[in-house]
Each structure stands twice: as C-alpha cells, then as structure tokens.
C-alpha cells in the first residue's frame, strides 16, 4: 500500500510546489510592474533634475597634499540642473531606459509562470522554454546597452534643450557643463553576459529538439 501511495504523494507535492511557484511569480511580477510604473511616472513629475559634470577655465585645485608619496590633485565636480519645463524628449528617453531594465525582470517572471503552468498541467514546455529564453536573452542584451545609452542621451538632450553651454567658447560665465557620452565602459556587462548565455541556451534547446526529432524518426 505504501508503494502504491508513493506516486500520488510525490505528484501532490510536485503540484503544490508548482502552485507556490506560480503564485510567487505572479506576486513578484505584479510588484515589479507596480514599481516600474511608479518610477516611470515619477520621470514625468513637474520637476526634472539631472546631474552633469561641470568644467571651468580657472585653475582652481584643492590645496591638499599627500604626506607619504608624491601625488597630484585635480578639480572635479558636478552640478544639478533642475527645471520645470516640459522636456518631453529627455523624460521619454529616461522612461524607456527604466522600462528596459524592468522588462527583463518581467519577462523572466512571466517565463517562470508559463513553464510552471505547463508543467502542472503536464503539457510539453520545450518550445515555450526555447522561445522564452531567446526573448529573455535578446532583451537582456538590448537593455545592457540601450538603458545606459538612453540615460546619457537624456542628460545631453536636457542640456541642449535648456541652452546650457557645453564648451568654453559658448560660456559667458566662464564655466560650462560636459554632458556624459556613452562608451563601452557604460555597458551593463553582467546583464550583457547573462543575455548571451540565455541566447546560447536557447540555441542548445533548438539543437536538442532537432536531435530528439531525428532520434524519434529512427525508432
């Protein structure tokens, strides 16, 4: 009798675990969506603030020195630009950058829910897993580069639309701002690596499905 009940108990435990995974995934997805909408809506608040490096032609260097070894000090600083102007373009760019980052988490949670549902209903999930992992990998790669690029572009657009000088020739006060430019160093490398791994995993899934079909055709 114990042997006959074992599969039933195991199935019930697995079903309960999958149900918990589905509920947890749904709650996390809802929370992620809530915070994403909250932060994105805050981008369109009346006051818009960006932080930009500032430059000056004056040779003003802090008068501090090191006592142990020879060293040099350099002046560096930033300014906060605040405006109540519409600035639709930079606000939209920032909102898209935030959306990309949250989209990665949302897609991962949706994929978790879909796979758990298909497993609980005893349906095949290889195709769904392949497509989901491929989409997650592509989105991760895009977000790793696109989000920081859009953020820096939003700052540069803010400076341009508000008419701030960006060089000494255009600076009547003798000081100007230096909008940050996107470089490869700004890439979110861990997220990019994760995206590449997801894409490779999806490619392996596709290869495995083809091998399985070939094997079943020979049987």
Protein backbone atom coordinates (compact mmCIF):
# COMPACT_ATOMS: atom_id res chain seq x y z
CA UNK A 1 0.00 0.00 0.00
CA UNK A 2 2.86 2.34 0.77
CA UNK A 3 4.33 1.72 -2.67
CA UNK A 4 1.03 2.50 -4.39
CA UNK A 5 0.62 5.75 -2.49
CA UNK A 6 4.16 7.00 -3.22
CA UNK A 7 3.46 8.25 -6.77
CA UNK A 8 0.31 10.03 -5.56
CA UNK A 9 2.15 11.75 -2.72
CA UNK A 10 5.01 12.72 -5.00
CA UNK A 11 2.60 14.10 -7.59
CA UNK A 12 0.70 16.11 -4.97
CA UNK A 13 3.92 17.54 -3.57
CA UNK A 14 5.12 18.50 -7.04
CA UNK A 15 1.76 20.06 -7.85
CA UNK A 16 1.80 22.07 -4.62
CA UNK A 17 5.36 23.28 -5.30
CA UNK A 18 4.41 24.36 -8.81
CA UNK A 19 1.33 26.15 -7.48
CA UNK A 20 3.50 28.03 -4.98
CA UNK A 21 5.92 28.95 -7.78
CA UNK A 22 3.06 30.25 -9.92
CA UNK A 23 1.60 32.35 -7.10
CA UNK A 24 5.03 33.70 -6.07
CA UNK A 25 5.88 34.51 -9.67
CA UNK A 26 2.58 36.32 -10.17
CA UNK A 27 3.04 38.36 -6.99
CA UNK A 28 6.60 39.29 -7.92
CA UNK A 29 5.52 40.22 -11.44
CA UNK A 30 2.75 42.44 -10.06
CA UNK A 31 5.18 44.10 -7.63
CA UNK A 32 7.74 44.62 -10.40
CA UNK A 33 5.12 46.16 -12.67
CA UNK A 34 3.93 48.42 -9.85
CA UNK A 35 7.41 49.76 -9.08
CA UNK A 36 8.15 50.15 -12.79
CA UNK A 37 5.04 52.27 -13.34
CA UNK A 38 5.77 54.22 -10.15
CA UNK A 39 9.31 55.13 -11.16
CA UNK A 40 8.36 55.86 -14.76
CA UNK A 41 5.51 58.13 -13.65
CA UNK A 42 7.96 59.96 -11.40
CA UNK A 43 10.02 60.76 -14.51
CA UNK A 44 7.11 62.90 -15.71
CA UNK A 45 6.77 64.80 -12.41
CA UNK A 46 6.78 68.62 -12.69
CA UNK A 47 10.42 68.98 -11.60
CA UNK A 48 13.12 67.40 -13.74
CA UNK A 49 16.64 67.01 -12.32
CA UNK A 50 19.82 65.76 -13.98
CA UNK A 51 23.39 65.68 -12.72
CA UNK A 52 26.05 66.90 -15.17
CA UNK A 53 29.83 67.33 -14.82
CA UNK A 54 30.91 70.97 -14.84
CA UNK A 55 34.14 72.43 -16.23
CA UNK A 56 35.90 75.71 -15.57
CA UNK A 57 38.78 77.52 -17.26
CA UNK A 58 40.01 78.67 -13.86
CA UNK A 59 42.87 76.63 -12.40
CA UNK A 60 41.16 76.05 -9.08
CA UNK A 61 42.65 72.99 -7.42
CA UNK A 62 42.04 71.99 -3.78
CA UNK A 63 45.10 72.76 -1.71
CA UNK A 64 45.61 69.30 -0.26
CA UNK A 65 48.75 67.19 -0.49
CA UNK A 66 49.77 63.69 0.44
CA UNK A 67 52.46 63.20 3.10
CA UNK A 68 53.66 59.72 2.18
CA UNK A 69 54.47 59.93 -1.55
CA UNK A 70 54.38 62.44 -4.38
CA UNK A 71 50.87 62.85 -5.77
CA UNK A 72 48.67 65.36 -7.57
CA UNK A 73 45.14 66.66 -7.01
CA UNK A 74 42.62 67.66 -9.67
CA UNK A 75 39.44 69.70 -9.52
CA UNK A 76 36.30 67.81 -10.46
CA UNK A 77 32.66 68.42 -9.77
CA UNK A 78 29.09 68.17 -10.95
CA UNK A 79 26.04 70.40 -10.96
CA UNK A 80 22.38 69.52 -10.56
CA UNK A 81 20.19 71.04 -13.26
CA UNK A 82 16.59 71.46 -12.17
CA UNK A 83 13.80 72.55 -14.48
CA UNK A 84 10.02 72.60 -14.64
CA UNK A 85 10.00 72.70 -18.42
CA UNK A 86 8.16 70.01 -20.39
CA UNK A 87 11.35 68.36 -21.73
CA UNK A 88 9.33 65.60 -23.36
CA UNK A 89 12.26 64.02 -25.20
CA UNK A 90 14.67 63.52 -22.27
CA UNK A 91 11.86 62.40 -19.98
CA UNK A 92 10.69 59.85 -22.55
CA UNK A 93 14.25 58.58 -23.09
CA UNK A 94 14.66 58.08 -19.35
CA UNK A 95 11.30 56.32 -19.09
CA UNK A 96 12.28 53.91 -21.88
CA UNK A 97 15.61 53.21 -20.16
CA UNK A 98 13.80 52.35 -16.93
CA UNK A 99 11.28 50.26 -18.83
CA UNK A 100 14.02 48.19 -20.45
CA UNK A 101 15.54 47.28 -17.10
CA UNK A 102 12.20 46.29 -15.58
CA UNK A 103 11.16 44.45 -18.75
CA UNK A 104 13.98 41.94 -18.23
CA UNK A 105 12.66 41.02 -14.80
CA UNK A 106 9.06 40.90 -16.02
CA UNK A 107 9.87 38.60 -18.94
CA UNK A 108 11.81 36.28 -16.63
CA UNK A 109 8.87 36.09 -14.21
CA UNK A 110 6.33 35.54 -16.98
CA UNK A 111 8.52 32.75 -18.36
CA UNK A 112 8.65 31.16 -14.91
CA UNK A 113 4.86 31.29 -14.62
CA UNK A 114 4.28 29.87 -18.12
CA UNK A 115 6.66 26.97 -17.58
CA UNK A 116 5.22 26.18 -14.15
CA UNK A 117 1.67 26.20 -15.53
CA UNK A 118 2.61 23.90 -18.41
CA UNK A 119 4.39 21.52 -16.05
CA UNK A 120 1.44 21.48 -13.66
CA UNK A 121 -0.96 20.68 -16.49
CA UNK A 122 1.50 18.06 -17.79
CA UNK A 123 1.97 19.77 -21.12
CA UNK A 124 5.23 19.94 -23.05
CA UNK A 125 7.15 23.15 -22.49
CA UNK A 126 10.26 22.74 -24.65
CA UNK A 127 9.03 25.11 -27.35
CA UNK A 128 7.80 27.68 -24.81
CA UNK A 129 11.08 27.48 -22.91
CA UNK A 130 13.11 27.93 -26.10
CA UNK A 131 11.15 30.99 -27.23
CA UNK A 132 11.05 32.48 -23.72
CA UNK A 133 14.76 32.06 -23.07
CA UNK A 134 15.60 33.50 -26.51
CA UNK A 135 13.39 36.56 -25.90
CA UNK A 136 14.87 36.99 -22.42
CA UNK A 137 18.41 36.79 -23.79
CA UNK A 138 17.74 39.29 -26.58
CA UNK A 139 16.00 41.71 -24.22
CA UNK A 140 18.84 41.44 -21.67
CA UNK A 141 21.43 42.22 -24.34
CA UNK A 142 19.42 45.20 -25.61
CA UNK A 143 18.85 46.55 -22.08
CA UNK A 144 22.53 46.19 -21.12
CA UNK A 145 23.49 48.66 -23.85
CA UNK A 146 20.28 50.54 -24.53
CA UNK A 147 19.43 51.60 -20.98
CA UNK A 148 22.73 53.36 -20.15
CA UNK A 149 22.90 54.85 -23.65
CA UNK A 150 19.38 56.29 -23.35
CA UNK A 151 20.12 57.65 -19.87
CA UNK A 152 23.17 59.57 -21.08
CA UNK A 153 21.34 60.74 -24.17
CA UNK A 154 18.54 62.06 -21.96
CA UNK A 155 21.05 64.14 -19.97
CA UNK A 156 22.66 65.51 -23.13
CA UNK A 157 19.23 66.34 -24.57
CA UNK A 158 18.26 68.15 -21.36
CA UNK A 159 21.38 70.30 -21.52
CA UNK A 160 20.75 71.08 -25.18
CA UNK A 161 17.06 71.95 -24.78
CA UNK A 162 17.75 74.22 -21.79
CA UNK A 163 20.53 76.02 -23.66
CA UNK A 164 23.43 75.31 -21.31
CA UNK A 165 26.92 75.97 -22.73
CA UNK A 166 28.93 72.85 -23.48
CA UNK A 167 32.28 74.50 -24.29
CA UNK A 168 34.39 77.43 -23.21
CA UNK A 169 33.55 79.32 -26.40
CA UNK A 170 29.85 79.32 -25.55
CA UNK A 171 30.23 80.02 -21.83
CA UNK A 172 29.58 83.68 -20.98
CA UNK A 173 30.11 82.98 -17.27
CA UNK A 174 33.42 81.22 -17.90
CA UNK A 175 32.08 77.80 -16.89
CA UNK A 176 30.27 75.12 -18.87
CA UNK A 177 28.78 71.68 -18.47
CA UNK A 178 30.07 68.48 -20.04
CA UNK A 179 27.21 66.09 -20.91
CA UNK A 180 28.27 62.47 -20.50
CA UNK A 181 28.71 60.44 -23.68
CA UNK A 182 28.05 56.73 -23.91
CA UNK A 183 31.10 54.49 -24.11
CA UNK A 184 31.57 50.73 -23.92
CA UNK A 185 32.57 51.13 -20.28
CA UNK A 186 29.00 52.23 -19.53
CA UNK A 187 27.60 48.90 -20.73
CA UNK A 188 25.99 46.73 -18.08
CA UNK A 189 28.40 43.86 -18.67
CA UNK A 190 26.88 41.33 -16.23
CA UNK A 191 23.48 41.80 -17.87
CA UNK A 192 25.04 41.52 -21.34
CA UNK A 193 26.81 38.31 -20.36
CA UNK A 194 23.57 36.94 -18.96
CA UNK A 195 21.83 37.78 -22.22
CA UNK A 196 24.48 35.98 -24.26
CA UNK A 197 24.18 32.92 -22.01
CA UNK A 198 20.39 32.91 -22.46
CA UNK A 199 20.77 33.10 -26.24
CA UNK A 200 23.27 30.23 -26.22
CA UNK A 201 20.90 28.21 -24.05
CA UNK A 202 18.06 28.83 -26.50
CA UNK A 203 20.31 27.69 -29.35
CA UNK A 204 21.08 24.49 -27.42
CA UNK A 205 17.36 23.91 -26.86
CA UNK A 206 16.74 24.20 -30.60
CA UNK A 207 19.57 21.77 -31.34
CA UNK A 208 18.29 19.34 -28.71
CA UNK A 209 14.77 19.40 -30.19
CA UNK A 210 16.13 18.63 -33.63
CA UNK A 211 18.19 15.72 -32.30
CA UNK A 212 15.15 14.40 -30.45
CA UNK A 213 13.01 14.53 -33.61
CA UNK A 214 15.75 12.79 -35.57
CA UNK A 215 16.06 10.10 -32.91
CA UNK A 216 12.30 9.52 -32.75
CA UNK A 217 12.22 9.24 -36.56
CA UNK A 218 14.77 6.42 -36.47
CA UNK A 219 12.86 4.42 -33.87
